[in-house]
């Protein structure tokens, strides 16, 4: 049984304002079996250990080359479009002479 791997680009964290560490690519495997509740603890788990493995690569080409070299069937997810560039702001702009926008506080 060959599990399919998913190659995708890492999204930035919700706690992150910049785009640091979002250039790397990850290869994870699709779940091989459904999770089930443990009768003793109630925690969800399965016997599939591949779902715990995440391989990180510097580029999409490196991830694809790794999968092809080892005969792993894979799907590549295209990265989502990035929003427009962030305009840097400074606190001093609130007091700039000739500002056109309204005072916010």
PDB file of N, CA and C in Angstrom:
ATOM      1  N   UNK A   1       0.849  -1.177   0.000  1.00  0.00           N
ATOM      2  CA  UNK A   1       0.000   0.000   0.000  1.00  0.00           C
ATOM      3  C   UNK A   1       0.896   1.242   0.000  1.00  0.00           C
ATOM      4  N   UNK A   2       0.850   2.026  -1.062  1.00  0.00           N
ATOM      5  CA  UNK A   2       1.663   3.226  -1.167  1.00  0.00           C
ATOM      6  C   UNK A   2       0.839   4.443  -0.768  1.00  0.00           C
ATOM      7  N   UNK A   3       1.306   5.128   0.248  1.00  0.00           N
ATOM      8  CA  UNK A   3       0.615   6.337   0.683  1.00  0.00           C
ATOM      9  C   UNK A   3       1.084   7.508  -0.163  1.00  0.00           C
ATOM     10  N   UNK A   4       0.170   8.407  -0.436  1.00  0.00           N
ATOM     11  CA  UNK A   4       0.494   9.591  -1.210  1.00  0.00           C
ATOM     12  C   UNK A   4       1.058  10.664  -0.294  1.00  0.00           C
ATOM     13  N   UNK A   5       2.108  11.322  -0.736  1.00  0.00           N
ATOM     14  CA  UNK A   5       2.697  12.418   0.018  1.00  0.00           C
ATOM     15  C   UNK A   5       2.159  13.734  -0.535  1.00  0.00           C
ATOM     16  N   UNK A   6       2.090  14.718   0.327  1.00  0.00           N
ATOM     17  CA  UNK A   6       1.637  16.048  -0.074  1.00  0.00           C
ATOM     18  C   UNK A   6       2.815  17.002   0.093  1.00  0.00           C
ATOM     19  N   UNK A   7       3.148  17.724  -0.963  1.00  0.00           N
ATOM     20  CA  UNK A   7       4.232  18.703  -0.930  1.00  0.00           C
ATOM     21  C   UNK A   7       3.590  20.081  -1.009  1.00  0.00           C
ATOM     22  N   UNK A   8       3.851  20.895   0.005  1.00  0.00           N
ATOM     23  CA  UNK A   8       3.239  22.227   0.062  1.00  0.00           C
ATOM     24  C   UNK A   8       4.179  23.206   0.737  1.00  0.00           C
ATOM     25  N   UNK A   9       3.870  24.483   0.577  1.00  0.00           N
ATOM     26  CA  UNK A   9       4.683  25.523   1.190  1.00  0.00           C
ATOM     27  C   UNK A   9       4.094  25.857   2.556  1.00  0.00           C
ATOM     28  N   UNK A  10       4.956  26.138   3.512  1.00  0.00           N
ATOM     29  CA  UNK A  10       4.515  26.417   4.874  1.00  0.00           C
ATOM     30  C   UNK A  10       3.821  27.772   4.919  1.00  0.00           C
ATOM     31  N   UNK A  11       2.670  27.817   5.562  1.00  0.00           N
ATOM     32  CA  UNK A  11       1.963  29.086   5.757  1.00  0.00           C
ATOM     33  C   UNK A  11       2.499  29.766   7.007  1.00  0.00           C
ATOM     34  N   UNK A  12       2.387  31.071   7.051  1.00  0.00           N
ATOM     35  CA  UNK A  12       2.869  31.772   8.233  1.00  0.00           C
ATOM     36  C   UNK A  12       1.909  31.555   9.392  1.00  0.00           C
ATOM     37  N   UNK A  13       2.425  31.614  10.576  1.00  0.00           N
ATOM     38  CA  UNK A  13       1.640  31.399  11.778  1.00  0.00           C
ATOM     39  C   UNK A  13       0.711  32.592  12.014  1.00  0.00           C
ATOM     40  N   UNK A  14      -0.371  32.377  12.734  1.00  0.00           N
ATOM     41  CA  UNK A  14      -1.275  33.463  13.074  1.00  0.00           C
ATOM     42  C   UNK A  14      -0.610  34.448  14.033  1.00  0.00           C
ATOM     43  N   UNK A  15       0.421  34.015  14.715  1.00  0.00           N
ATOM     44  CA  UNK A  15       1.129  34.875  15.652  1.00  0.00           C
ATOM     45  C   UNK A  15       2.277  35.617  14.977  1.00  0.00           C
ATOM     46  N   UNK A  16       2.377  35.539  13.684  1.00  0.00           N
ATOM     47  CA  UNK A  16       3.502  36.075  12.937  1.00  0.00           C
ATOM     48  C   UNK A  16       3.018  37.227  12.066  1.00  0.00           C
ATOM     49  N   UNK A  17       3.689  38.368  12.116  1.00  0.00           N
ATOM     50  CA  UNK A  17       3.298  39.474  11.258  1.00  0.00           C
ATOM     51  C   UNK A  17       4.117  39.506   9.974  1.00  0.00           C
ATOM     52  N   UNK A  18       5.321  38.981  10.009  1.00  0.00           N
ATOM     53  CA  UNK A  18       6.180  38.968   8.828  1.00  0.00           C
ATOM     54  C   UNK A  18       6.080  37.664   8.070  1.00  0.00           C
ATOM     55  N   UNK A  19       6.974  37.488   7.124  1.00  0.00           N
ATOM     56  CA  UNK A  19       6.952  36.279   6.300  1.00  0.00           C
ATOM     57  C   UNK A  19       8.183  35.411   6.517  1.00  0.00           C
ATOM     58  N   UNK A  20       8.792  35.503   7.683  1.00  0.00           N
ATOM     59  CA  UNK A  20       9.978  34.705   7.971  1.00  0.00           C
ATOM     60  C   UNK A  20       9.623  33.227   8.032  1.00  0.00           C
ATOM     61  N   UNK A  21      10.523  32.386   7.586  1.00  0.00           N
ATOM     62  CA  UNK A  21      10.384  30.925   7.591  1.00  0.00           C
ATOM     63  C   UNK A  21       9.194  30.432   6.778  1.00  0.00           C
ATOM     64  N   UNK A  22       8.688  31.234   5.859  1.00  0.00           N
ATOM     65  CA  UNK A  22       7.568  30.778   5.034  1.00  0.00           C
ATOM     66  C   UNK A  22       8.024  30.390   3.633  1.00  0.00           C
ATOM     67  N   UNK A  23       9.330  30.348   3.398  1.00  0.00           N
ATOM     68  CA  UNK A  23       9.842  29.994   2.074  1.00  0.00           C
ATOM     69  C   UNK A  23      10.138  28.504   1.954  1.00  0.00           C
ATOM     70  N   UNK A  24      10.088  27.771   3.068  1.00  0.00           N
ATOM     71  CA  UNK A  24      10.437  26.355   2.976  1.00  0.00           C
ATOM     72  C   UNK A  24       9.229  25.512   2.574  1.00  0.00           C
ATOM     73  N   UNK A  25       9.527  24.344   2.047  1.00  0.00           N
ATOM     74  CA  UNK A  25       8.505  23.411   1.566  1.00  0.00           C
ATOM     75  C   UNK A  25       8.494  22.188   2.468  1.00  0.00           C
ATOM     76  N   UNK A  26       7.325  21.585   2.627  1.00  0.00           N
ATOM     77  CA  UNK A  26       7.146  20.456   3.527  1.00  0.00           C
ATOM     78  C   UNK A  26       6.558  19.284   2.754  1.00  0.00           C
ATOM     79  N   UNK A  27       7.024  18.094   3.088  1.00  0.00           N
ATOM     80  CA  UNK A  27       6.462  16.866   2.542  1.00  0.00           C
ATOM     81  C   UNK A  27       5.842  16.105   3.706  1.00  0.00           C
ATOM     82  N   UNK A  28       4.499  15.945   3.709  1.00  0.00           N
ATOM     83  CA  UNK A  28       3.831  15.104   4.708  1.00  0.00           C
ATOM     84  C   UNK A  28       3.013  14.051   3.995  1.00  0.00           C
ATOM     85  N   UNK A  29       2.790  12.979   4.695  1.00  0.00           N
ATOM     86  CA  UNK A  29       2.023  11.875   4.127  1.00  0.00           C
ATOM     87  C   UNK A  29       0.554  12.014   4.481  1.00  0.00           C
ATOM     88  N   UNK A  30      -0.281  11.553   3.550  1.00  0.00           N
ATOM     89  CA  UNK A  30      -1.719  11.488   3.814  1.00  0.00           C
ATOM     90  C   UNK A  30      -1.960  10.414   4.871  1.00  0.00           C
ATOM     91  N   UNK A  31      -3.015  10.554   5.676  1.00  0.00           N
ATOM     92  CA  UNK A  31      -3.273   9.531   6.701  1.00  0.00           C
ATOM     93  C   UNK A  31      -3.522   8.162   6.066  1.00  0.00           C
ATOM     94  N   UNK A  32      -2.883   7.141   6.617  1.00  0.00           N
ATOM     95  CA  UNK A  32      -3.024   5.789   6.101  1.00  0.00           C
ATOM     96  C   UNK A  32      -4.246   5.072   6.648  1.00  0.00           C
ATOM     97  N   UNK A  33      -4.677   5.473   7.828  1.00  0.00           N
ATOM     98  CA  UNK A  33      -5.866   4.874   8.429  1.00  0.00           C
ATOM     99  C   UNK A  33      -6.557   5.917   9.296  1.00  0.00           C
ATOM    100  N   UNK A  34      -7.814   5.677   9.587  1.00  0.00           N
ATOM    101  CA  UNK A  34      -8.589   6.634  10.384  1.00  0.00           C
ATOM    102  C   UNK A  34      -8.136   6.601  11.843  1.00  0.00           C
ATOM    103  N   UNK A  35      -8.253   7.735  12.507  1.00  0.00           N
ATOM    104  CA  UNK A  35      -7.922   7.773  13.925  1.00  0.00           C
ATOM    105  C   UNK A  35      -9.067   7.165  14.727  1.00  0.00           C
ATOM    106  N   UNK A  36      -8.713   6.593  15.857  1.00  0.00           N
ATOM    107  CA  UNK A  36      -9.717   5.994  16.723  1.00  0.00           C
ATOM    108  C   UNK A  36      -9.411   6.392  18.166  1.00  0.00           C
ATOM    109  N   UNK A  37     -10.423   6.415  18.992  1.00  0.00           N
ATOM    110  CA  UNK A  37     -10.249   6.798  20.391  1.00  0.00           C
ATOM    111  C   UNK A  37      -9.653   5.637  21.178  1.00  0.00           C
ATOM    112  N   UNK A  38      -8.664   5.934  21.993  1.00  0.00           N
ATOM    113  CA  UNK A  38      -8.072   4.922  22.866  1.00  0.00           C
ATOM    114  C   UNK A  38      -9.068   4.607  23.979  1.00  0.00           C
ATOM    115  N   UNK A  39      -9.358   3.327  24.238  1.00  0.00           N
ATOM    116  CA  UNK A  39     -10.378   3.013  25.243  1.00  0.00           C
ATOM    117  C   UNK A  39      -9.986   3.429  26.666  1.00  0.00           C
ATOM    118  N   UNK A  40      -8.706   3.476  26.968  1.00  0.00           N
ATOM    119  CA  UNK A  40      -8.279   3.805  28.325  1.00  0.00           C
ATOM    120  C   UNK A  40      -8.235   5.317  28.560  1.00  0.00           C
ATOM    121  N   UNK A  41      -7.595   6.054  27.650  1.00  0.00           N
ATOM    122  CA  UNK A  41      -7.417   7.497  27.867  1.00  0.00           C
ATOM    123  C   UNK A  41      -8.410   8.349  27.101  1.00  0.00           C
ATOM    124  N   UNK A  42      -8.966   7.840  26.000  1.00  0.00           N
ATOM    125  CA  UNK A  42      -9.887   8.628  25.192  1.00  0.00           C
ATOM    126  C   UNK A  42      -9.181   9.490  24.166  1.00  0.00           C
ATOM    127  N   UNK A  43      -7.850   9.437  24.115  1.00  0.00           N
ATOM    128  CA  UNK A  43      -7.107  10.227  23.147  1.00  0.00           C
ATOM    129  C   UNK A  43      -7.241   9.610  21.767  1.00  0.00           C
ATOM    130  N   UNK A  44      -7.229  10.469  20.755  1.00  0.00           N
ATOM    131  CA  UNK A  44      -7.311   9.985  19.372  1.00  0.00           C
ATOM    132  C   UNK A  44      -5.930   9.557  18.902  1.00  0.00           C
ATOM    133  N   UNK A  45      -5.872   8.453  18.185  1.00  0.00           N
ATOM    134  CA  UNK A  45      -4.595   7.965  17.680  1.00  0.00           C
ATOM    135  C   UNK A  45      -4.820   6.905  16.628  1.00  0.00           C
ATOM    136  N   UNK A  46      -3.732   6.494  16.005  1.00  0.00           N
ATOM    137  CA  UNK A  46      -3.809   5.439  14.998  1.00  0.00           C
ATOM    138  C   UNK A  46      -2.464   4.731  14.951  1.00  0.00           C
ATOM    139  N   UNK A  47      -2.412   3.652  14.189  1.00  0.00           N
ATOM    140  CA  UNK A  47      -1.175   2.906  14.046  1.00  0.00           C
ATOM    141  C   UNK A  47      -0.305   3.427  12.923  1.00  0.00           C
ATOM    142  N   UNK A  48      -0.724   4.501  12.283  1.00  0.00           N
ATOM    143  CA  UNK A  48       0.011   5.058  11.156  1.00  0.00           C
ATOM    144  C   UNK A  48       1.107   5.996  11.669  1.00  0.00           C
ATOM    145  N   UNK A  49       2.353   5.554  11.588  1.00  0.00           N
ATOM    146  CA  UNK A  49       3.445   6.391  12.092  1.00  0.00           C
ATOM    147  C   UNK A  49       3.941   7.402  11.066  1.00  0.00           C
ATOM    148  N   UNK A  50       3.614   7.196   9.791  1.00  0.00           N
ATOM    149  CA  UNK A  50       4.061   8.159   8.773  1.00  0.00           C
ATOM    150  C   UNK A  50       3.392   9.517   8.934  1.00  0.00           C
ATOM    151  N   UNK A  51       2.210   9.560   9.534  1.00  0.00           N
ATOM    152  CA  UNK A  51       1.518  10.837   9.693  1.00  0.00           C
ATOM    153  C   UNK A  51       2.244  11.750  10.676  1.00  0.00           C
ATOM    154  N   UNK A  52       3.187  11.208  11.449  1.00  0.00           N
ATOM    155  CA  UNK A  52       3.944  12.003  12.402  1.00  0.00           C
ATOM    156  C   UNK A  52       5.191  12.627  11.781  1.00  0.00           C
ATOM    157  N   UNK A  53       5.529  12.238  10.557  1.00  0.00           N
ATOM    158  CA  UNK A  53       6.770  12.680   9.915  1.00  0.00           C
ATOM    159  C   UNK A  53       6.484  13.869   9.011  1.00  0.00           C
ATOM    160  N   UNK A  54       7.268  14.949   9.187  1.00  0.00           N
ATOM    161  CA  UNK A  54       7.222  16.118   8.303  1.00  0.00           C
ATOM    162  C   UNK A  54       8.650  16.405   7.861  1.00  0.00           C
ATOM    163  N   UNK A  55       8.894  16.295   6.579  1.00  0.00           N
ATOM    164  CA  UNK A  55      10.221  16.572   6.044  1.00  0.00           C
ATOM    165  C   UNK A  55      10.231  17.976   5.454  1.00  0.00           C
ATOM    166  N   UNK A  56      11.236  18.764   5.802  1.00  0.00           N
ATOM    167  CA  UNK A  56      11.334  20.150   5.327  1.00  0.00           C
ATOM    168  C   UNK A  56      12.428  20.259   4.285  1.00  0.00           C
ATOM    169  N   UNK A  57      12.151  21.069   3.239  1.00  0.00           N
ATOM    170  CA  UNK A  57      13.084  21.257   2.134  1.00  0.00           C
ATOM    171  C   UNK A  57      13.192  22.741   1.818  1.00  0.00           C
ATOM    172  N   UNK A  58      14.350  23.175   1.309  1.00  0.00           N
ATOM    173  CA  UNK A  58      14.512  24.592   0.989  1.00  0.00           C
ATOM    174  C   UNK A  58      13.742  25.027  -0.258  1.00  0.00           C
ATOM    175  N   UNK A  59      13.391  24.086  -1.141  1.00  0.00           N
ATOM    176  CA  UNK A  59      12.683  24.457  -2.372  1.00  0.00           C
ATOM    177  C   UNK A  59      11.736  23.334  -2.782  1.00  0.00           C
ATOM    178  N   UNK A  60      10.823  23.674  -3.671  1.00  0.00           N
ATOM    179  CA  UNK A  60       9.874  22.691  -4.193  1.00  0.00           C
ATOM    180  C   UNK A  60      10.609  21.628  -4.998  1.00  0.00           C
ATOM    181  N   UNK A  61      11.605  22.039  -5.760  1.00  0.00           N
ATOM    182  CA  UNK A  61      12.351  21.104  -6.590  1.00  0.00           C
ATOM    183  C   UNK A  61      13.063  20.053  -5.735  1.00  0.00           C
ATOM    184  N   UNK A  62      13.590  20.467  -4.588  1.00  0.00           N
ATOM    185  CA  UNK A  62      14.272  19.521  -3.704  1.00  0.00           C
ATOM    186  C   UNK A  62      13.290  18.503  -3.132  1.00  0.00           C
ATOM    187  N   UNK A  63      12.098  18.938  -2.781  1.00  0.00           N
ATOM    188  CA  UNK A  63      11.087  18.033  -2.240  1.00  0.00           C
ATOM    189  C   UNK A  63      10.619  17.040  -3.302  1.00  0.00           C
ATOM    190  N   UNK A  64      10.404  17.535  -4.522  1.00  0.00           N
ATOM    191  CA  UNK A  64       9.972  16.654  -5.614  1.00  0.00           C
ATOM    192  C   UNK A  64      11.077  15.658  -5.950  1.00  0.00           C
ATOM    193  N   UNK A  65      12.326  16.113  -5.969  1.00  0.00           N
ATOM    194  CA  UNK A  65      13.446  15.212  -6.258  1.00  0.00           C
ATOM    195  C   UNK A  65      13.557  14.120  -5.198  1.00  0.00           C
ATOM    196  N   UNK A  66      13.335  14.456  -3.936  1.00  0.00           N
ATOM    197  CA  UNK A  66      13.374  13.463  -2.864  1.00  0.00           C
ATOM    198  C   UNK A  66      12.279  12.412  -3.067  1.00  0.00           C
ATOM    199  N   UNK A  67      11.053  12.868  -3.373  1.00  0.00           N
ATOM    200  CA  UNK A  67       9.943  11.930  -3.558  1.00  0.00           C
ATOM    201  C   UNK A  67      10.176  11.031  -4.772  1.00  0.00           C
ATOM    202  N   UNK A  68      10.661  11.594  -5.858  1.00  0.00           N
ATOM    203  CA  UNK A  68      10.893  10.798  -7.060  1.00  0.00           C
ATOM    204  C   UNK A  68      12.047   9.814  -6.877  1.00  0.00           C
ATOM    205  N   UNK A  69      13.080  10.195  -6.143  1.00  0.00           N
ATOM    206  CA  UNK A  69      14.219   9.310  -5.926  1.00  0.00           C
ATOM    207  C   UNK A  69      13.836   8.088  -5.100  1.00  0.00           C
ATOM    208  N   UNK A  70      12.842   8.241  -4.255  1.00  0.00           N
ATOM    209  CA  UNK A  70      12.425   7.135  -3.398  1.00  0.00           C
ATOM    210  C   UNK A  70      11.134   6.469  -3.863  1.00  0.00           C
ATOM    211  N   UNK A  71      10.617   6.893  -5.000  1.00  0.00           N
ATOM    212  CA  UNK A  71       9.421   6.269  -5.560  1.00  0.00           C
ATOM    213  C   UNK A  71       8.153   6.558  -4.777  1.00  0.00           C
ATOM    214  N   UNK A  72       8.082   7.713  -4.144  1.00  0.00           N
ATOM    215  CA  UNK A  72       6.911   8.090  -3.343  1.00  0.00           C
ATOM    216  C   UNK A  72       5.927   8.823  -4.245  1.00  0.00           C
ATOM    217  N   UNK A  73       4.675   8.349  -4.353  1.00  0.00           N
ATOM    218  CA  UNK A  73       3.692   9.120  -5.117  1.00  0.00           C
ATOM    219  C   UNK A  73       3.369  10.419  -4.367  1.00  0.00           C
ATOM    220  N   UNK A  74       3.296  11.533  -5.093  1.00  0.00           N
ATOM    221  CA  UNK A  74       3.135  12.828  -4.427  1.00  0.00           C
ATOM    222  C   UNK A  74       2.177  13.722  -5.198  1.00  0.00           C
ATOM    223  N   UNK A  75       1.636  14.703  -4.473  1.00  0.00           N
ATOM    224  CA  UNK A  75       0.822  15.778  -5.037  1.00  0.00           C
ATOM    225  C   UNK A  75       1.443  17.092  -4.592  1.00  0.00           C
ATOM    226  N   UNK A  76       1.610  18.022  -5.514  1.00  0.00           N
ATOM    227  CA  UNK A  76       2.174  19.321  -5.181  1.00  0.00           C
ATOM    228  C   UNK A  76       1.033  20.334  -5.101  1.00  0.00           C
ATOM    229  N   UNK A  77       0.928  21.009  -3.959  1.00  0.00           N
ATOM    230  CA  UNK A  77      -0.062  22.068  -3.789  1.00  0.00           C
ATOM    231  C   UNK A  77       0.602  23.400  -4.100  1.00  0.00           C
ATOM    232  N   UNK A  78      -0.009  24.146  -5.000  1.00  0.00           N
ATOM    233  CA  UNK A  78       0.544  25.450  -5.368  1.00  0.00           C
ATOM    234  C   UNK A  78       0.404  26.411  -4.187  1.00  0.00           C
ATOM    235  N   UNK A  79       1.391  27.274  -3.980  1.00  0.00           N
ATOM    236  CA  UNK A  79       1.283  28.224  -2.873  1.00  0.00           C
ATOM    237  C   UNK A  79       0.173  29.235  -3.124  1.00  0.00           C
ATOM    238  N   UNK A  80      -0.441  29.669  -2.046  1.00  0.00           N
ATOM    239  CA  UNK A  80      -1.496  30.672  -2.161  1.00  0.00           C
ATOM    240  C   UNK A  80      -0.865  32.020  -2.494  1.00  0.00           C
ATOM    241  N   UNK A  81      -1.570  32.872  -3.244  1.00  0.00           N
ATOM    242  CA  UNK A  81      -0.986  34.167  -3.586  1.00  0.00           C
ATOM    243  C   UNK A  81      -0.745  35.020  -2.341  1.00  0.00           C
ATOM    244  N   UNK A  82       0.365  35.717  -2.355  1.00  0.00           N
ATOM    245  CA  UNK A  82       0.743  36.555  -1.232  1.00  0.00           C
ATOM    246  C   UNK A  82       0.088  37.923  -1.393  1.00  0.00           C
ATOM    247  N   UNK A  83      -0.379  38.474  -0.286  1.00  0.00           N
ATOM    248  CA  UNK A  83      -0.996  39.799  -0.309  1.00  0.00           C
ATOM    249  C   UNK A  83       0.035  40.845  -0.725  1.00  0.00           C
ATOM    250  N   UNK A  84      -0.448  42.029  -1.030  1.00  0.00           N
ATOM    251  CA  UNK A  84       0.436  43.118  -1.460  1.00  0.00           C
ATOM    252  C   UNK A  84       1.488  43.397  -0.385  1.00  0.00           C
ATOM    253  N   UNK A  85       2.538  44.056  -0.789  1.00  0.00           N
ATOM    254  CA  UNK A  85       3.619  44.353   0.156  1.00  0.00           C
ATOM    255  C   UNK A  85       3.107  45.222   1.296  1.00  0.00           C
ATOM    256  N   UNK A  86       3.677  45.014   2.448  1.00  0.00           N
ATOM    257  CA  UNK A  86       3.280  45.749   3.642  1.00  0.00           C
ATOM    258  C   UNK A  86       4.023  47.070   3.665  1.00  0.00           C
ATOM    259  N   UNK A  87       3.271  48.164   3.802  1.00  0.00           N
ATOM    260  CA  UNK A  87       3.888  49.490   3.855  1.00  0.00           C
ATOM    261  C   UNK A  87       4.362  49.741   5.284  1.00  0.00           C
ATOM    262  N   UNK A  88       5.657  49.972   5.467  1.00  0.00           N
ATOM    263  CA  UNK A  88       6.142  50.219   6.825  1.00  0.00           C
ATOM    264  C   UNK A  88       5.578  51.529   7.366  1.00  0.00           C
ATOM    265  N   UNK A  89       5.218  51.515   8.627  1.00  0.00           N
ATOM    266  CA  UNK A  89       4.670  52.704   9.271  1.00  0.00           C
ATOM    267  C   UNK A  89       5.524  53.041  10.476  1.00  0.00           C
ATOM    268  N   UNK A  90       5.519  54.296  10.817  1.00  0.00           N
ATOM    269  CA  UNK A  90       6.253  54.749  11.986  1.00  0.00           C
ATOM    270  C   UNK A  90       5.303  55.545  12.875  1.00  0.00           C
ATOM    271  N   UNK A  91       5.547  55.512  14.169  1.00  0.00           N
ATOM    272  CA  UNK A  91       4.719  56.243  15.119  1.00  0.00           C
ATOM    273  C   UNK A  91       4.791  57.743  14.837  1.00  0.00           C
ATOM    274  N   UNK A  92       5.920  58.221  14.348  1.00  0.00           N
ATOM    275  CA  UNK A  92       6.092  59.649  14.080  1.00  0.00           C
ATOM    276  C   UNK A  92       5.161  60.131  12.965  1.00  0.00           C
ATOM    277  N   UNK A  93       4.689  59.215  12.098  1.00  0.00           N
ATOM    278  CA  UNK A  93       3.766  59.612  11.038  1.00  0.00           C
ATOM    279  C   UNK A  93       2.440  60.118  11.583  1.00  0.00           C
ATOM    280  N   UNK A  94       2.088  59.755  12.808  1.00  0.00           N
ATOM    281  CA  UNK A  94       0.852  60.260  13.417  1.00  0.00           C
ATOM    282  C   UNK A  94       0.914  61.766  13.641  1.00  0.00           C
ATOM    283  N   UNK A  95       2.096  62.324  13.772  1.00  0.00           N
ATOM    284  CA  UNK A  95       2.270  63.737  14.073  1.00  0.00           C
ATOM    285  C   UNK A  95       2.883  64.513  12.910  1.00  0.00           C
ATOM    286  N   UNK A  96       2.902  63.910  11.734  1.00  0.00           N
ATOM    287  CA  UNK A  96       3.520  64.527  10.566  1.00  0.00           C
ATOM    288  C   UNK A  96       2.727  65.764  10.130  1.00  0.00           C
ATOM    289  N   UNK A  97       3.440  66.815   9.719  1.00  0.00           N
ATOM    290  CA  UNK A  97       2.805  68.021   9.232  1.00  0.00           C
ATOM    291  C   UNK A  97       2.202  67.750   7.854  1.00  0.00           C
ATOM    292  N   UNK A  98       0.992  68.208   7.639  1.00  0.00           N
ATOM    293  CA  UNK A  98       0.348  68.066   6.344  1.00  0.00           C
ATOM    294  C   UNK A  98      -0.230  66.685   6.100  1.00  0.00           C
ATOM    295  N   UNK A  99      -0.501  65.921   7.148  1.00  0.00           N
ATOM    296  CA  UNK A  99      -1.074  64.602   6.931  1.00  0.00           C
ATOM    297  C   UNK A  99      -2.495  64.725   6.412  1.00  0.00           C
ATOM    298  N   UNK A 100      -2.891  63.847   5.511  1.00  0.00           N
ATOM    299  CA  UNK A 100      -4.188  63.964   4.854  1.00  0.00           C
ATOM    300  C   UNK A 100      -5.271  63.126   5.526  1.00  0.00           C
ATOM    301  N   UNK A 101      -4.903  62.065   6.217  1.00  0.00           N
ATOM    302  CA  UNK A 101      -5.918  61.222   6.833  1.00  0.00           C
ATOM    303  C   UNK A 101      -6.340  61.774   8.198  1.00  0.00           C
ATOM    304  N   UNK A 102      -7.508  61.366   8.660  1.00  0.00           N
ATOM    305  CA  UNK A 102      -8.051  61.863   9.922  1.00  0.00           C
ATOM    306  C   UNK A 102      -7.266  61.346  11.111  1.00  0.00           C
ATOM    307  N   UNK A 103      -7.360  62.078  12.200  1.00  0.00           N
ATOM    308  CA  UNK A 103      -6.752  61.666  13.456  1.00  0.00           C
ATOM    309  C   UNK A 103      -7.583  60.519  14.004  1.00  0.00           C
ATOM    310  N   UNK A 104      -6.937  59.434  14.366  1.00  0.00           N
ATOM    311  CA  UNK A 104      -7.699  58.231  14.725  1.00  0.00           C
ATOM    312  C   UNK A 104      -7.958  58.081  16.211  1.00  0.00           C
ATOM    313  N   UNK A 105      -7.338  58.894  17.055  1.00  0.00           N
ATOM    314  CA  UNK A 105      -7.582  58.727  18.489  1.00  0.00           C
ATOM    315  C   UNK A 105      -7.513  60.020  19.239  1.00  0.00           C
TER     316      UNK A 105
END
